[in-house]
Amino acid sequence: MSLVEIEKDQAVMTITLADEENRNVLSGDLIAQLLSAIDAAESDPEVRVIVLTNRGRVFCAGADLRGGSTSREGVPTGVDLFSRFGKSPKPFVGRINGHCVAGGLGIAAAMDVSVALDTARMGFTEVRVGVAPAMISVLCLPKMRSAEASAAFLRGNRFPAPEAVRMGIINSAVPADRIDEEVAEIVADLLLGGPNALAACKTLTRQIPRMSVEEAFEWTAQLSAELFAGDEAREGIRAFVEKRPPSWASNPSP
């Protein structure tokens, strides 16, 4: 049974969580299939943007509480999945087409850019089953104010998607008739950026907060020099001067 579906349209691969019956819980099988789909997207040189979305009313209900732990030899875990999005050189766009709690909210937070239905409900509900949002805190805490994170983690209540935007967990919340348009606009912007430059931007947002100011300036100066000396920058600057699209943006439509 396919719990994850993939569809490629030119430079965009859409990965859909399709275990609607089980609210797309993070079972070992779903995690394995999702990681396999990410592998396929990353290994395809034509794919430049990855959109992650869902079937059904729930984007992801978090851990598979009925299926038991996935912490068994050879079975992928949440750590394998949650760490994957940031490490990927390709940008991920979350199309959060439904409710999203616990580990599902961690996935939403892990997206590089995320858009949710404004009617979706979200929350860190782990405390209500006697656990804590441990792994996903690594993804969510850097985006949230400490006081708001403390209240959300401890209360375990659900809140509307616009509140998740205000907290900084996701980027925007829109009506159902706007979500595809919003995602398309984001994807179109991403396709105008150089692939190496996009990968560098992802690295910046991940690494800079962990560095001292001195370390950050030293590292970014080296990174900037490498980027400016690369073929991609030469093409981009030449295209700018010649007032034409760069080679990677010749066919930007998703």
Protein backbone atom coordinates (compact mmCIF):
# COMPACT_ATOMS: atom_id res chain seq x y z
CA MET A 1 0.00 0.00 0.00
CA SER A 2 1.36 3.41 -0.99
CA LEU A 3 1.26 5.77 1.97
CA VAL A 4 3.22 8.44 0.10
CA GLU A 5 2.66 9.53 -3.48
CA ILE A 6 5.00 11.48 -5.75
CA GLU A 7 4.27 13.51 -8.85
CA LYS A 8 6.84 15.34 -10.94
CA ASP A 9 5.98 18.38 -13.05
CA GLN A 10 9.08 19.72 -14.77
CA ALA A 11 11.33 21.13 -12.01
CA VAL A 12 8.88 20.52 -9.16
CA MET A 13 8.24 17.27 -7.34
CA THR A 14 5.14 17.08 -5.15
CA ILE A 15 5.21 14.53 -2.33
CA THR A 16 1.79 13.72 -0.86
CA LEU A 17 1.14 12.04 2.48
CA ALA A 18 -1.64 9.67 1.43
CA ASP A 19 -2.46 7.57 4.51
CA GLU A 20 -5.73 9.45 4.91
CA GLU A 21 -7.43 6.67 6.86
CA ASN A 22 -4.82 6.89 9.62
CA ARG A 23 -4.52 10.70 9.52
CA ASN A 24 -1.01 10.42 8.04
CA VAL A 25 0.50 9.36 11.35
CA LEU A 26 4.26 8.89 11.39
CA SER A 27 4.34 5.12 11.25
CA GLY A 28 7.56 3.35 10.38
CA ASP A 29 6.16 2.55 6.95
CA LEU A 30 5.11 6.11 6.20
CA ILE A 31 8.46 7.50 7.36
CA ALA A 32 10.31 4.95 5.20
CA GLN A 33 8.22 5.80 2.14
CA LEU A 34 8.59 9.54 2.75
CA LEU A 35 12.37 9.22 3.04
CA SER A 36 12.40 7.18 -0.18
CA ALA A 37 10.42 9.93 -1.93
CA ILE A 38 12.88 12.55 -0.68
CA ASP A 39 15.73 10.38 -1.99
CA ALA A 40 14.07 10.31 -5.41
CA ALA A 41 13.63 14.09 -5.44
CA GLU A 42 17.18 14.81 -4.32
CA SER A 43 18.76 12.40 -6.81
CA ASP A 44 16.84 13.82 -9.78
CA PRO A 45 18.87 16.72 -11.25
CA GLU A 46 15.76 18.13 -12.92
CA VAL A 47 13.96 18.58 -9.60
CA ARG A 48 14.69 21.95 -8.03
CA VAL A 49 11.80 22.42 -5.61
CA ILE A 50 9.97 19.87 -3.45
CA VAL A 51 6.38 20.48 -2.31
CA LEU A 52 5.11 18.40 0.62
CA THR A 53 1.34 18.14 1.08
CA ASN A 54 -1.38 15.71 2.15
CA ARG A 55 -4.64 13.98 1.31
CA GLY A 56 -7.55 14.24 3.70
CA ARG A 57 -8.46 16.66 6.47
CA VAL A 58 -5.28 16.02 8.47
CA PHE A 59 -1.80 16.93 7.26
CA CYS A 60 -0.18 14.77 9.94
CA ALA A 61 -1.37 13.68 13.40
CA GLY A 62 2.13 13.00 14.74
CA ALA A 63 3.48 9.75 16.13
CA ASP A 64 1.78 6.43 15.48
CA LEU A 65 0.49 5.87 19.02
CA ARG A 66 -1.23 2.59 18.14
CA GLY A 67 1.63 1.10 16.17
CA GLY A 68 4.21 1.26 18.92
CA SER A 69 7.74 2.62 18.79
CA THR A 70 9.68 2.74 15.53
CA SER A 71 12.95 2.59 17.46
CA ARG A 72 13.90 -0.81 16.13
CA GLU A 73 16.93 -1.83 14.13
CA GLY A 74 16.48 -1.10 10.44
CA VAL A 75 13.30 0.96 10.97
CA PRO A 76 13.63 4.70 10.23
CA THR A 77 12.65 7.07 13.04
CA GLY A 78 11.54 10.64 13.46
CA VAL A 79 15.18 11.70 13.86
CA ASP A 80 15.95 10.32 10.40
CA LEU A 81 13.03 12.27 8.97
CA PHE A 82 13.13 15.57 10.88
CA SER A 83 16.84 16.07 10.25
CA ARG A 84 16.46 15.41 6.54
CA PHE A 85 14.65 18.56 5.43
CA GLY A 86 17.28 21.01 6.63
CA LYS A 87 20.17 18.96 5.27
CA SER A 88 18.70 18.79 1.79
CA PRO A 89 20.20 21.28 -0.69
CA LYS A 90 16.78 21.65 -2.33
CA PRO A 91 14.06 23.88 -0.88
CA PHE A 92 10.94 22.32 0.64
CA VAL A 93 7.58 24.07 0.45
CA GLY A 94 4.91 22.87 2.84
CA ARG A 95 1.34 22.88 1.54
CA ILE A 96 -0.32 22.18 4.88
CA ASN A 97 -3.76 21.18 3.66
CA GLY A 98 -5.31 20.18 6.98
CA HIS A 99 -4.88 19.86 10.73
CA CYS A 100 -1.38 19.43 12.02
CA VAL A 101 -0.31 18.43 15.55
CA ALA A 102 2.65 17.04 17.46
CA GLY A 103 5.20 15.51 15.06
CA GLY A 104 3.15 16.79 12.15
CA LEU A 105 3.70 20.32 13.38
CA GLY A 106 7.39 19.49 13.56
CA ILE A 107 7.34 18.62 9.87
CA ALA A 108 5.54 21.88 9.08
CA ALA A 109 8.19 23.79 11.03
CA ALA A 110 10.95 21.94 9.18
CA MET A 111 9.79 23.25 5.80
CA ASP A 112 11.80 26.08 4.27
CA VAL A 113 8.56 27.89 3.42
CA SER A 114 5.13 26.72 4.60
CA VAL A 115 1.55 27.65 3.77
CA ALA A 116 -1.42 26.27 5.69
CA LEU A 117 -5.18 26.39 5.43
CA ASP A 118 -6.42 29.15 7.70
CA THR A 119 -8.99 26.70 9.10
CA ALA A 120 -6.35 24.14 10.12
CA ARG A 121 -5.82 23.48 13.82
CA MET A 122 -2.34 22.96 15.17
CA GLY A 123 -0.76 22.18 18.50
CA PHE A 124 1.91 20.53 20.61
CA THR A 125 -0.43 17.91 22.05
CA GLU A 126 2.19 15.49 23.38
CA VAL A 127 1.71 16.27 27.09
CA ARG A 128 -1.88 15.08 26.87
CA VAL A 129 -0.70 11.53 26.22
CA GLY A 130 2.09 11.73 28.78
CA VAL A 131 5.08 12.60 26.62
CA ALA A 132 6.80 15.80 25.47
CA PRO A 133 7.53 17.45 22.09
CA ALA A 134 11.15 16.45 22.43
CA MET A 135 12.54 15.94 18.92
CA ILE A 136 10.37 18.57 17.28
CA SER A 137 11.50 21.16 19.85
CA VAL A 138 14.83 21.17 17.97
CA LEU A 139 12.95 22.48 14.92
CA CYS A 140 10.40 24.71 16.62
CA LEU A 141 12.24 26.43 19.48
CA PRO A 142 14.58 28.44 17.21
CA LYS A 143 11.47 29.92 15.54
CA MET A 144 9.48 30.77 18.67
CA ARG A 145 9.68 33.19 21.57
CA SER A 146 10.53 31.37 24.77
CA ALA A 147 7.35 32.39 26.60
CA GLU A 148 5.10 31.27 23.75
CA ALA A 149 6.95 27.98 23.34
CA SER A 150 6.67 27.28 27.06
CA ALA A 151 2.93 27.96 27.11
CA ALA A 152 2.24 25.94 23.93
CA PHE A 153 4.33 22.95 25.04
CA LEU A 154 2.89 22.86 28.57
CA ARG A 155 -0.77 23.51 27.74
CA GLY A 156 -0.96 21.04 24.86
CA ASN A 157 -3.90 22.98 23.44
CA ARG A 158 -4.76 23.35 19.77
CA PHE A 159 -4.67 26.74 18.10
CA PRO A 160 -5.62 28.03 14.64
CA ALA A 161 -3.09 28.19 11.83
CA PRO A 162 -2.96 32.03 11.88
CA GLU A 163 -1.72 31.76 15.47
CA ALA A 164 1.03 29.39 14.31
CA VAL A 165 2.01 32.08 11.79
CA ARG A 166 2.18 34.69 14.53
CA MET A 167 4.37 32.35 16.59
CA GLY A 168 6.75 31.94 13.66
CA ILE A 169 6.20 28.19 13.24
CA ILE A 170 4.82 28.48 9.69
CA ASN A 171 4.91 31.29 7.14
CA SER A 172 1.30 31.94 6.15
CA ALA A 173 -2.28 30.77 6.51
CA VAL A 174 -4.75 31.30 3.69
CA PRO A 175 -8.30 30.30 2.69
CA ALA A 176 -8.74 27.01 0.81
CA ASP A 177 -9.33 28.79 -2.47
CA ARG A 178 -5.99 30.60 -2.12
CA ILE A 179 -3.62 27.85 -1.03
CA ASP A 180 -2.66 26.59 -4.49
CA GLU A 181 -2.10 30.12 -5.76
CA GLU A 182 0.07 30.94 -2.75
CA VAL A 183 2.16 27.79 -3.18
CA ALA A 184 2.54 28.46 -6.91
CA GLU A 185 3.84 31.97 -6.22
CA ILE A 186 6.40 30.65 -3.74
CA VAL A 187 7.55 27.90 -6.11
CA ALA A 188 7.87 30.39 -8.98
CA ASP A 189 10.11 32.61 -6.84
CA LEU A 190 12.28 29.65 -5.82
CA LEU A 191 12.75 28.58 -9.43
CA LEU A 192 14.23 32.01 -10.20
CA GLY A 193 17.04 31.46 -7.69
CA GLY A 194 20.27 29.68 -8.54
CA PRO A 195 20.29 26.10 -7.23
CA ASN A 196 23.65 26.53 -5.48
CA ALA A 197 22.56 29.88 -4.06
CA LEU A 198 19.38 28.34 -2.64
CA ALA A 199 21.39 25.55 -1.02
CA ALA A 200 23.72 28.18 0.47
CA CYS A 201 20.75 30.11 1.88
CA LYS A 202 19.52 26.96 3.61
CA THR A 203 22.96 26.43 5.10
CA LEU A 204 23.08 30.04 6.35
CA THR A 205 19.78 29.81 8.19
CA ARG A 206 20.85 26.54 9.80
CA GLN A 207 24.43 27.38 10.76
CA ILE A 208 24.64 31.10 11.57
CA PRO A 209 22.51 30.99 14.76
CA ARG A 210 24.93 28.43 16.19
CA MET A 211 28.03 30.59 15.67
CA SER A 212 29.63 33.50 17.44
CA VAL A 213 29.69 36.77 15.49
CA GLU A 214 33.42 36.36 14.78
CA GLU A 215 32.99 32.79 13.53
CA ALA A 216 30.01 33.79 11.43
CA PHE A 217 31.82 36.63 9.65
CA GLU A 218 34.85 34.46 8.96
CA TRP A 219 32.78 31.59 7.59
CA THR A 220 30.40 33.73 5.53
CA ALA A 221 33.27 35.70 3.98
CA GLN A 222 34.73 32.44 2.72
CA LEU A 223 31.34 31.19 1.54
CA SER A 224 30.62 34.46 -0.27
CA ALA A 225 33.99 34.33 -2.05
CA GLU A 226 33.36 30.75 -3.16
CA LEU A 227 29.90 31.62 -4.47
CA PHE A 228 31.08 34.70 -6.38
CA ALA A 229 33.86 32.63 -7.97
CA GLY A 230 31.46 29.91 -9.11
CA ASP A 231 29.97 29.31 -12.55
CA GLU A 232 26.46 29.95 -11.25
CA ALA A 233 27.31 33.47 -10.06
CA ARG A 234 29.15 34.26 -13.28
CA GLU A 235 26.08 33.25 -15.27
CA GLY A 236 23.74 35.12 -12.94
CA ILE A 237 25.74 38.35 -13.04
CA ARG A 238 26.18 38.11 -16.82
CA ALA A 239 22.44 37.59 -17.24
CA PHE A 240 21.73 40.59 -15.00
CA VAL A 241 24.03 42.83 -17.04
CA GLU A 242 22.57 41.53 -20.31
CA LYS A 243 19.01 41.94 -18.97
CA ARG A 244 17.97 38.35 -19.63
CA PRO A 245 16.95 35.43 -17.42
CA PRO A 246 19.83 33.25 -16.17
CA SER A 247 20.08 29.76 -17.61
CA TRP A 248 18.41 28.08 -14.64
CA ALA A 249 15.38 30.40 -14.89
CA SER A 250 14.75 30.03 -18.63
CA ASN A 251 11.72 27.84 -17.93
CA PRO A 252 10.64 28.88 -14.45
CA SER A 253 7.03 27.67 -14.58
CA PRO A 254 6.28 24.82 -12.12
